[in-house]
Amino acid sequence: MLVVMLPAACSHQPPPPMVEVAGKTHMPVDFSGSWERDYSKGGDINEGLKKIYRQLSRSAQYAGTIDGRYQPLNSSSVSMGAIIASARLADSISRSDLLEIVQGNSEIRVNREEDFTLTCEFDGSTFQQTKTAFGTELCGWDGGQMVFNLALPDGLAVAHRLTISPDKQELHVATTVRAGATQTPFSVYRYYTRIEPLPSKYDCVQTLSRKRVCTIRGAPQ
């Protein structure tokens, strides 16, 4: 039995493509604003892993036999281990509860709480590619979606795809991880709602109850 303890946050929708597509020279959607994660929405990572495990087991079962006996896990156990690792990584790199998005005519910056900022300059007709010490970054517009792709030298690929609701009040962030040891990607889906940013005189912390507690900066405790 497969048991992996991970937070609920995954959907069984097809993962976003992790390949270059034609970009746009203009800004089709404005993501700018402050966003807070909505924990009431999202699927379950464990259920997603169980579904993939069943699919791999069925594929292995019908692949053939050795000495008249089925070998249902021999060919899939390594792949499943890589998928579990991908799921853990996808969950870890998409845990930000608060996002602050700054967007101009040719650049977007997604400031993520307790994580590095996603930045893209989209001043061309195709995706913008940048080589860094970590790997190759690719970003740009895919229709009304903003896509950030990162390809690492060891075959690990990470993609973030941002979508906004028609009323501009909900932000959807799909994070997909594909490990070099497997061709099966794993996606985690986070939902955010628009919030009004508090004045800078406030200090806020996230509590265990998933609520923000704010105090006036410099006030006596």
C-alpha atoms as a PDB file:
ATOM      1  CA  MET A   1       0.000   0.000   0.000  1.00  0.00           C
ATOM      2  CA  LEU A   2       1.305   3.427  -0.933  1.00  0.00           C
ATOM      3  CA  VAL A   3       1.193   5.914   1.927  1.00  0.00           C
ATOM      4  CA  VAL A   4       2.691   9.373   1.456  1.00  0.00           C
ATOM      5  CA  MET A   5       1.803  12.091   3.954  1.00  0.00           C
ATOM      6  CA  LEU A   6       1.567  15.371   2.059  1.00  0.00           C
ATOM      7  CA  PRO A   7      -0.741  18.382   2.389  1.00  0.00           C
ATOM      8  CA  ALA A   8      -3.894  18.532   0.282  1.00  0.00           C
ATOM      9  CA  ALA A   9      -3.237  20.658  -2.763  1.00  0.00           C
ATOM     10  CA  CYS A  10      -3.275  18.643  -5.974  1.00  0.00           C
ATOM     11  CA  SER A  11      -5.791  18.185  -8.741  1.00  0.00           C
ATOM     12  CA  HIS A  12      -5.950  15.398 -11.318  1.00  0.00           C
ATOM     13  CA  GLN A  13      -6.125  17.797 -14.260  1.00  0.00           C
ATOM     14  CA  PRO A  14      -3.555  17.294 -17.038  1.00  0.00           C
ATOM     15  CA  PRO A  15      -0.289  19.061 -16.204  1.00  0.00           C
ATOM     16  CA  PRO A  16       0.659  22.208 -18.117  1.00  0.00           C
ATOM     17  CA  PRO A  17       3.065  21.715 -21.024  1.00  0.00           C
ATOM     18  CA  MET A  18       6.738  22.227 -20.226  1.00  0.00           C
ATOM     19  CA  VAL A  19       7.830  23.213 -23.724  1.00  0.00           C
ATOM     20  CA  GLU A  20       8.404  26.494 -25.509  1.00  0.00           C
ATOM     21  CA  VAL A  21       5.335  28.012 -27.148  1.00  0.00           C
ATOM     22  CA  ALA A  22       4.817  31.207 -29.081  1.00  0.00           C
ATOM     23  CA  GLY A  23       4.790  34.212 -26.788  1.00  0.00           C
ATOM     24  CA  LYS A  24       3.022  37.572 -27.101  1.00  0.00           C
ATOM     25  CA  THR A  25       4.501  41.028 -27.507  1.00  0.00           C
ATOM     26  CA  HIS A  26       1.710  42.701 -25.506  1.00  0.00           C
ATOM     27  CA  MET A  27       0.326  42.190 -22.010  1.00  0.00           C
ATOM     28  CA  PRO A  28      -2.950  40.237 -22.323  1.00  0.00           C
ATOM     29  CA  VAL A  29      -3.655  39.970 -18.572  1.00  0.00           C
ATOM     30  CA  ASP A  30      -2.828  42.095 -15.536  1.00  0.00           C
ATOM     31  CA  PHE A  31      -1.877  39.918 -12.526  1.00  0.00           C
ATOM     32  CA  SER A  32      -0.673  42.808 -10.366  1.00  0.00           C
ATOM     33  CA  GLY A  33      -1.856  42.998  -6.776  1.00  0.00           C
ATOM     34  CA  SER A  34      -1.689  41.210  -3.443  1.00  0.00           C
ATOM     35  CA  TRP A  35      -2.880  37.635  -3.182  1.00  0.00           C
ATOM     36  CA  GLU A  36      -3.541  35.262  -0.277  1.00  0.00           C
ATOM     37  CA  ARG A  37      -3.791  31.478  -0.575  1.00  0.00           C
ATOM     38  CA  ASP A  38      -7.257  29.925  -0.382  1.00  0.00           C
ATOM     39  CA  TYR A  39      -6.957  26.630   1.515  1.00  0.00           C
ATOM     40  CA  SER A  40     -10.549  25.674   0.775  1.00  0.00           C
ATOM     41  CA  LYS A  41      -9.676  24.897  -2.837  1.00  0.00           C
ATOM     42  CA  GLY A  42      -7.360  22.311  -4.317  1.00  0.00           C
ATOM     43  CA  GLY A  43      -7.250  18.535  -4.620  1.00  0.00           C
ATOM     44  CA  ASP A  44      -5.234  15.993  -2.656  1.00  0.00           C
ATOM     45  CA  ILE A  45      -1.625  15.085  -3.439  1.00  0.00           C
ATOM     46  CA  ASN A  46      -1.954  11.617  -1.933  1.00  0.00           C
ATOM     47  CA  GLU A  47      -4.916  10.803  -4.179  1.00  0.00           C
ATOM     48  CA  GLY A  48      -2.921  11.971  -7.183  1.00  0.00           C
ATOM     49  CA  LEU A  49      -0.045   9.667  -6.238  1.00  0.00           C
ATOM     50  CA  LYS A  50      -2.386   6.720  -5.751  1.00  0.00           C
ATOM     51  CA  LYS A  51      -3.925   7.290  -9.176  1.00  0.00           C
ATOM     52  CA  ILE A  52      -0.492   7.344 -10.856  1.00  0.00           C
ATOM     53  CA  TYR A  53       0.537   4.226  -8.898  1.00  0.00           C
ATOM     54  CA  ARG A  54      -2.515   2.316 -10.149  1.00  0.00           C
ATOM     55  CA  GLN A  55      -1.824   3.410 -13.725  1.00  0.00           C
ATOM     56  CA  LEU A  56       1.807   2.291 -13.537  1.00  0.00           C
ATOM     57  CA  SER A  57       0.809  -1.028 -11.990  1.00  0.00           C
ATOM     58  CA  ARG A  58      -1.698  -1.747 -14.752  1.00  0.00           C
ATOM     59  CA  SER A  59       0.817  -0.807 -17.432  1.00  0.00           C
ATOM     60  CA  ALA A  60       3.428  -3.105 -15.934  1.00  0.00           C
ATOM     61  CA  GLN A  61       0.972  -5.951 -15.514  1.00  0.00           C
ATOM     62  CA  TYR A  62       0.099  -6.050 -19.202  1.00  0.00           C
ATOM     63  CA  ALA A  63       3.675  -5.539 -20.337  1.00  0.00           C
ATOM     64  CA  GLY A  64       4.394  -9.286 -20.214  1.00  0.00           C
ATOM     65  CA  THR A  65       5.507 -12.102 -17.931  1.00  0.00           C
ATOM     66  CA  ILE A  66       8.753 -13.662 -16.775  1.00  0.00           C
ATOM     67  CA  ASP A  67       8.709 -17.460 -16.434  1.00  0.00           C
ATOM     68  CA  GLY A  68       4.935 -17.388 -16.669  1.00  0.00           C
ATOM     69  CA  ARG A  69       4.542 -14.938 -13.780  1.00  0.00           C
ATOM     70  CA  TYR A  70       3.532 -11.288 -13.871  1.00  0.00           C
ATOM     71  CA  GLN A  71       6.097  -8.785 -12.654  1.00  0.00           C
ATOM     72  CA  PRO A  72       3.799  -5.825 -11.926  1.00  0.00           C
ATOM     73  CA  LEU A  73       6.188  -3.598  -9.959  1.00  0.00           C
ATOM     74  CA  ASN A  74       9.648  -4.362 -11.330  1.00  0.00           C
ATOM     75  CA  SER A  75       9.418  -1.828 -14.107  1.00  0.00           C
ATOM     76  CA  SER A  76       7.436   0.832 -12.231  1.00  0.00           C
ATOM     77  CA  SER A  77       8.946   0.985  -8.741  1.00  0.00           C
ATOM     78  CA  VAL A  78      11.852   3.204  -9.784  1.00  0.00           C
ATOM     79  CA  SER A  79       9.517   5.504 -11.717  1.00  0.00           C
ATOM     80  CA  MET A  80       7.107   5.705  -8.775  1.00  0.00           C
ATOM     81  CA  GLY A  81       9.935   6.682  -6.457  1.00  0.00           C
ATOM     82  CA  ALA A  82      10.881   9.513  -8.799  1.00  0.00           C
ATOM     83  CA  ILE A  83       7.255  10.651  -9.010  1.00  0.00           C
ATOM     84  CA  ILE A  84       6.983  10.736  -5.207  1.00  0.00           C
ATOM     85  CA  ALA A  85      10.139  12.848  -5.095  1.00  0.00           C
ATOM     86  CA  SER A  86       8.630  15.162  -7.724  1.00  0.00           C
ATOM     87  CA  ALA A  87       5.439  15.468  -5.661  1.00  0.00           C
ATOM     88  CA  ARG A  88       7.374  16.400  -2.528  1.00  0.00           C
ATOM     89  CA  LEU A  89       9.411  18.981  -4.424  1.00  0.00           C
ATOM     90  CA  ALA A  90       6.344  20.477  -6.124  1.00  0.00           C
ATOM     91  CA  ASP A  91       4.631  20.797  -2.755  1.00  0.00           C
ATOM     92  CA  SER A  92       7.705  22.370  -1.158  1.00  0.00           C
ATOM     93  CA  ILE A  93       8.299  25.041  -3.812  1.00  0.00           C
ATOM     94  CA  SER A  94       4.649  26.138  -3.976  1.00  0.00           C
ATOM     95  CA  ARG A  95       3.905  26.695  -0.286  1.00  0.00           C
ATOM     96  CA  SER A  96       3.852  30.496  -0.314  1.00  0.00           C
ATOM     97  CA  ASP A  97       0.729  31.782   1.409  1.00  0.00           C
ATOM     98  CA  LEU A  98       1.129  35.354   0.169  1.00  0.00           C
ATOM     99  CA  LEU A  99       2.029  36.664  -3.281  1.00  0.00           C
ATOM    100  CA  GLU A 100       2.770  40.242  -4.289  1.00  0.00           C
ATOM    101  CA  ILE A 101       2.765  40.688  -8.068  1.00  0.00           C
ATOM    102  CA  VAL A 102       4.214  43.806  -9.679  1.00  0.00           C
ATOM    103  CA  GLN A 103       3.584  44.109 -13.410  1.00  0.00           C
ATOM    104  CA  GLY A 104       4.545  46.716 -15.976  1.00  0.00           C
ATOM    105  CA  ASN A 105       4.433  47.010 -19.745  1.00  0.00           C
ATOM    106  CA  SER A 106       7.404  44.690 -20.277  1.00  0.00           C
ATOM    107  CA  GLU A 107       8.097  42.945 -16.959  1.00  0.00           C
ATOM    108  CA  ILE A 108       6.373  40.958 -14.252  1.00  0.00           C
ATOM    109  CA  ARG A 109       7.707  40.109 -10.774  1.00  0.00           C
ATOM    110  CA  VAL A 110       5.975  37.520  -8.604  1.00  0.00           C
ATOM    111  CA  ASN A 111       7.207  38.057  -5.057  1.00  0.00           C
ATOM    112  CA  ARG A 112       6.544  34.870  -3.127  1.00  0.00           C
ATOM    113  CA  GLU A 113       6.535  34.710   0.657  1.00  0.00           C
ATOM    114  CA  GLU A 114       9.612  32.830   1.941  1.00  0.00           C
ATOM    115  CA  ASP A 115      10.739  31.957  -1.591  1.00  0.00           C
ATOM    116  CA  PHE A 116      12.627  33.543  -4.464  1.00  0.00           C
ATOM    117  CA  THR A 117      10.920  35.984  -6.821  1.00  0.00           C
ATOM    118  CA  LEU A 118       9.784  34.871 -10.270  1.00  0.00           C
ATOM    119  CA  THR A 119      10.754  37.533 -12.821  1.00  0.00           C
ATOM    120  CA  CYS A 120      10.084  37.754 -16.539  1.00  0.00           C
ATOM    121  CA  GLU A 121      10.772  40.394 -19.190  1.00  0.00           C
ATOM    122  CA  PHE A 122       8.405  39.850 -22.095  1.00  0.00           C
ATOM    123  CA  ASP A 123       9.652  42.303 -24.707  1.00  0.00           C
ATOM    124  CA  GLY A 124       9.770  39.932 -27.683  1.00  0.00           C
ATOM    125  CA  SER A 125       7.658  37.801 -29.984  1.00  0.00           C
ATOM    126  CA  THR A 126       8.764  34.535 -28.359  1.00  0.00           C
ATOM    127  CA  PHE A 127       9.521  33.303 -24.871  1.00  0.00           C
ATOM    128  CA  GLN A 128      12.492  34.959 -23.176  1.00  0.00           C
ATOM    129  CA  GLN A 129      15.335  32.545 -22.397  1.00  0.00           C
ATOM    130  CA  THR A 130      18.000  33.190 -19.768  1.00  0.00           C
ATOM    131  CA  LYS A 131      20.907  30.970 -18.748  1.00  0.00           C
ATOM    132  CA  THR A 132      21.902  31.078 -15.074  1.00  0.00           C
ATOM    133  CA  ALA A 133      24.214  29.114 -12.780  1.00  0.00           C
ATOM    134  CA  PHE A 134      21.237  26.887 -11.933  1.00  0.00           C
ATOM    135  CA  GLY A 135      19.996  26.114 -15.429  1.00  0.00           C
ATOM    136  CA  THR A 136      17.970  27.604 -18.277  1.00  0.00           C
ATOM    137  CA  GLU A 137      14.975  29.811 -17.516  1.00  0.00           C
ATOM    138  CA  LEU A 138      12.208  30.313 -20.044  1.00  0.00           C
ATOM    139  CA  CYS A 139       9.235  32.626 -19.506  1.00  0.00           C
ATOM    140  CA  GLY A 140       6.526  34.454 -21.392  1.00  0.00           C
ATOM    141  CA  TRP A 141       2.863  34.667 -22.281  1.00  0.00           C
ATOM    142  CA  ASP A 142       0.896  31.631 -23.443  1.00  0.00           C
ATOM    143  CA  GLY A 143      -2.376  33.221 -24.432  1.00  0.00           C
ATOM    144  CA  GLY A 144      -3.773  34.723 -21.219  1.00  0.00           C
ATOM    145  CA  GLN A 145      -1.411  32.731 -19.000  1.00  0.00           C
ATOM    146  CA  MET A 146       2.056  33.616 -17.724  1.00  0.00           C
ATOM    147  CA  VAL A 147       4.493  30.692 -17.786  1.00  0.00           C
ATOM    148  CA  PHE A 148       7.826  30.294 -15.995  1.00  0.00           C
ATOM    149  CA  ASN A 149       9.941  27.249 -16.912  1.00  0.00           C
ATOM    150  CA  LEU A 150      13.244  26.210 -15.334  1.00  0.00           C
ATOM    151  CA  ALA A 151      15.357  23.388 -16.794  1.00  0.00           C
ATOM    152  CA  LEU A 152      18.194  22.166 -14.550  1.00  0.00           C
ATOM    153  CA  PRO A 153      21.337  20.338 -15.782  1.00  0.00           C
ATOM    154  CA  ASP A 154      20.435  17.048 -14.047  1.00  0.00           C
ATOM    155  CA  GLY A 155      17.220  16.700 -16.038  1.00  0.00           C
ATOM    156  CA  LEU A 156      14.917  18.255 -13.438  1.00  0.00           C
ATOM    157  CA  ALA A 157      12.315  20.632 -14.886  1.00  0.00           C
ATOM    158  CA  VAL A 158      10.008  22.985 -12.980  1.00  0.00           C
ATOM    159  CA  ALA A 159       7.143  24.981 -14.493  1.00  0.00           C
ATOM    160  CA  HIS A 160       4.818  27.597 -12.984  1.00  0.00           C
ATOM    161  CA  ARG A 161       1.679  28.627 -14.883  1.00  0.00           C
ATOM    162  CA  LEU A 162      -0.416  31.584 -13.698  1.00  0.00           C
ATOM    163  CA  THR A 163      -4.085  32.075 -14.619  1.00  0.00           C
ATOM    164  CA  ILE A 164      -6.532  34.708 -13.371  1.00  0.00           C
ATOM    165  CA  SER A 165     -10.316  34.387 -13.106  1.00  0.00           C
ATOM    166  CA  PRO A 166     -12.586  36.472 -15.364  1.00  0.00           C
ATOM    167  CA  ASP A 167     -13.570  38.725 -12.442  1.00  0.00           C
ATOM    168  CA  LYS A 168      -9.853  39.250 -11.560  1.00  0.00           C
ATOM    169  CA  GLN A 169     -10.450  38.158  -7.951  1.00  0.00           C
ATOM    170  CA  GLU A 170      -8.904  34.659  -8.031  1.00  0.00           C
ATOM    171  CA  LEU A 171      -5.417  33.594  -9.091  1.00  0.00           C
ATOM    172  CA  HIS A 172      -4.579  30.005 -10.022  1.00  0.00           C
ATOM    173  CA  VAL A 173      -0.951  28.835  -9.912  1.00  0.00           C
ATOM    174  CA  ALA A 174      -0.093  25.402 -11.339  1.00  0.00           C
ATOM    175  CA  THR A 175       3.373  24.079 -10.447  1.00  0.00           C
ATOM    176  CA  THR A 176       4.676  21.051 -12.340  1.00  0.00           C
ATOM    177  CA  VAL A 177       7.841  19.097 -11.587  1.00  0.00           C
ATOM    178  CA  ARG A 178       9.362  16.507 -13.903  1.00  0.00           C
ATOM    179  CA  ALA A 179      12.363  14.524 -12.628  1.00  0.00           C
ATOM    180  CA  GLY A 180      14.988  13.223 -15.010  1.00  0.00           C
ATOM    181  CA  ALA A 181      14.379   9.626 -13.900  1.00  0.00           C
ATOM    182  CA  THR A 182      10.771   9.616 -15.123  1.00  0.00           C
ATOM    183  CA  GLN A 183       8.713  11.056 -17.959  1.00  0.00           C
ATOM    184  CA  THR A 184       5.642  11.329 -15.717  1.00  0.00           C
ATOM    185  CA  PRO A 185       5.289  14.883 -14.342  1.00  0.00           C
ATOM    186  CA  PHE A 186       3.494  15.789 -11.135  1.00  0.00           C
ATOM    187  CA  SER A 187       1.418  18.963 -10.744  1.00  0.00           C
ATOM    188  CA  VAL A 188       0.318  20.886  -7.670  1.00  0.00           C
ATOM    189  CA  TYR A 189      -2.453  23.467  -7.884  1.00  0.00           C
ATOM    190  CA  ARG A 190      -2.772  26.491  -5.591  1.00  0.00           C
ATOM    191  CA  TYR A 191      -5.593  29.030  -5.478  1.00  0.00           C
ATOM    192  CA  TYR A 192      -5.253  32.617  -4.267  1.00  0.00           C
ATOM    193  CA  THR A 193      -7.784  35.371  -3.606  1.00  0.00           C
ATOM    194  CA  ARG A 194      -7.128  39.080  -4.060  1.00  0.00           C
ATOM    195  CA  ILE A 195      -6.560  41.062  -0.866  1.00  0.00           C
ATOM    196  CA  GLU A 196      -5.921  44.696  -0.034  1.00  0.00           C
ATOM    197  CA  PRO A 197      -2.320  45.183   1.111  1.00  0.00           C
ATOM    198  CA  LEU A 198      -1.913  46.539   4.624  1.00  0.00           C
ATOM    199  CA  PRO A 199       0.033  49.764   5.264  1.00  0.00           C
ATOM    200  CA  SER A 200       3.737  49.270   5.904  1.00  0.00           C
ATOM    201  CA  LYS A 201       3.333  50.309   9.569  1.00  0.00           C
ATOM    202  CA  TYR A 202       1.878  46.863  10.277  1.00  0.00           C
ATOM    203  CA  ASP A 203       3.859  43.695  11.052  1.00  0.00           C
ATOM    204  CA  CYS A 204       2.024  40.493  10.178  1.00  0.00           C
ATOM    205  CA  VAL A 205       2.681  36.849  10.883  1.00  0.00           C
ATOM    206  CA  GLN A 206       0.955  33.678   9.730  1.00  0.00           C
ATOM    207  CA  THR A 207      -0.384  31.611  12.645  1.00  0.00           C
ATOM    208  CA  LEU A 208      -0.951  27.871  12.912  1.00  0.00           C
ATOM    209  CA  SER A 209      -4.661  28.431  12.319  1.00  0.00           C
ATOM    210  CA  ARG A 210      -3.811  29.802   8.855  1.00  0.00           C
ATOM    211  CA  LYS A 211      -4.878  33.306   9.960  1.00  0.00           C
ATOM    212  CA  ARG A 212      -2.817  36.466   9.757  1.00  0.00           C
ATOM    213  CA  VAL A 213      -2.197  38.357  12.977  1.00  0.00           C
ATOM    214  CA  CYS A 214      -1.026  41.957  12.553  1.00  0.00           C
ATOM    215  CA  THR A 215       0.300  44.501  15.026  1.00  0.00           C
ATOM    216  CA  ILE A 216       1.383  48.124  14.673  1.00  0.00           C
ATOM    217  CA  ARG A 217       5.104  48.269  14.094  1.00  0.00           C
ATOM    218  CA  GLY A 218       6.939  49.548  17.196  1.00  0.00           C
ATOM    219  CA  ALA A 219       3.909  49.345  19.478  1.00  0.00           C
ATOM    220  CA  PRO A 220       4.516  47.979  23.021  1.00  0.00           C
ATOM    221  CA  GLN A 221       3.636  44.305  23.421  1.00  0.00           C
END
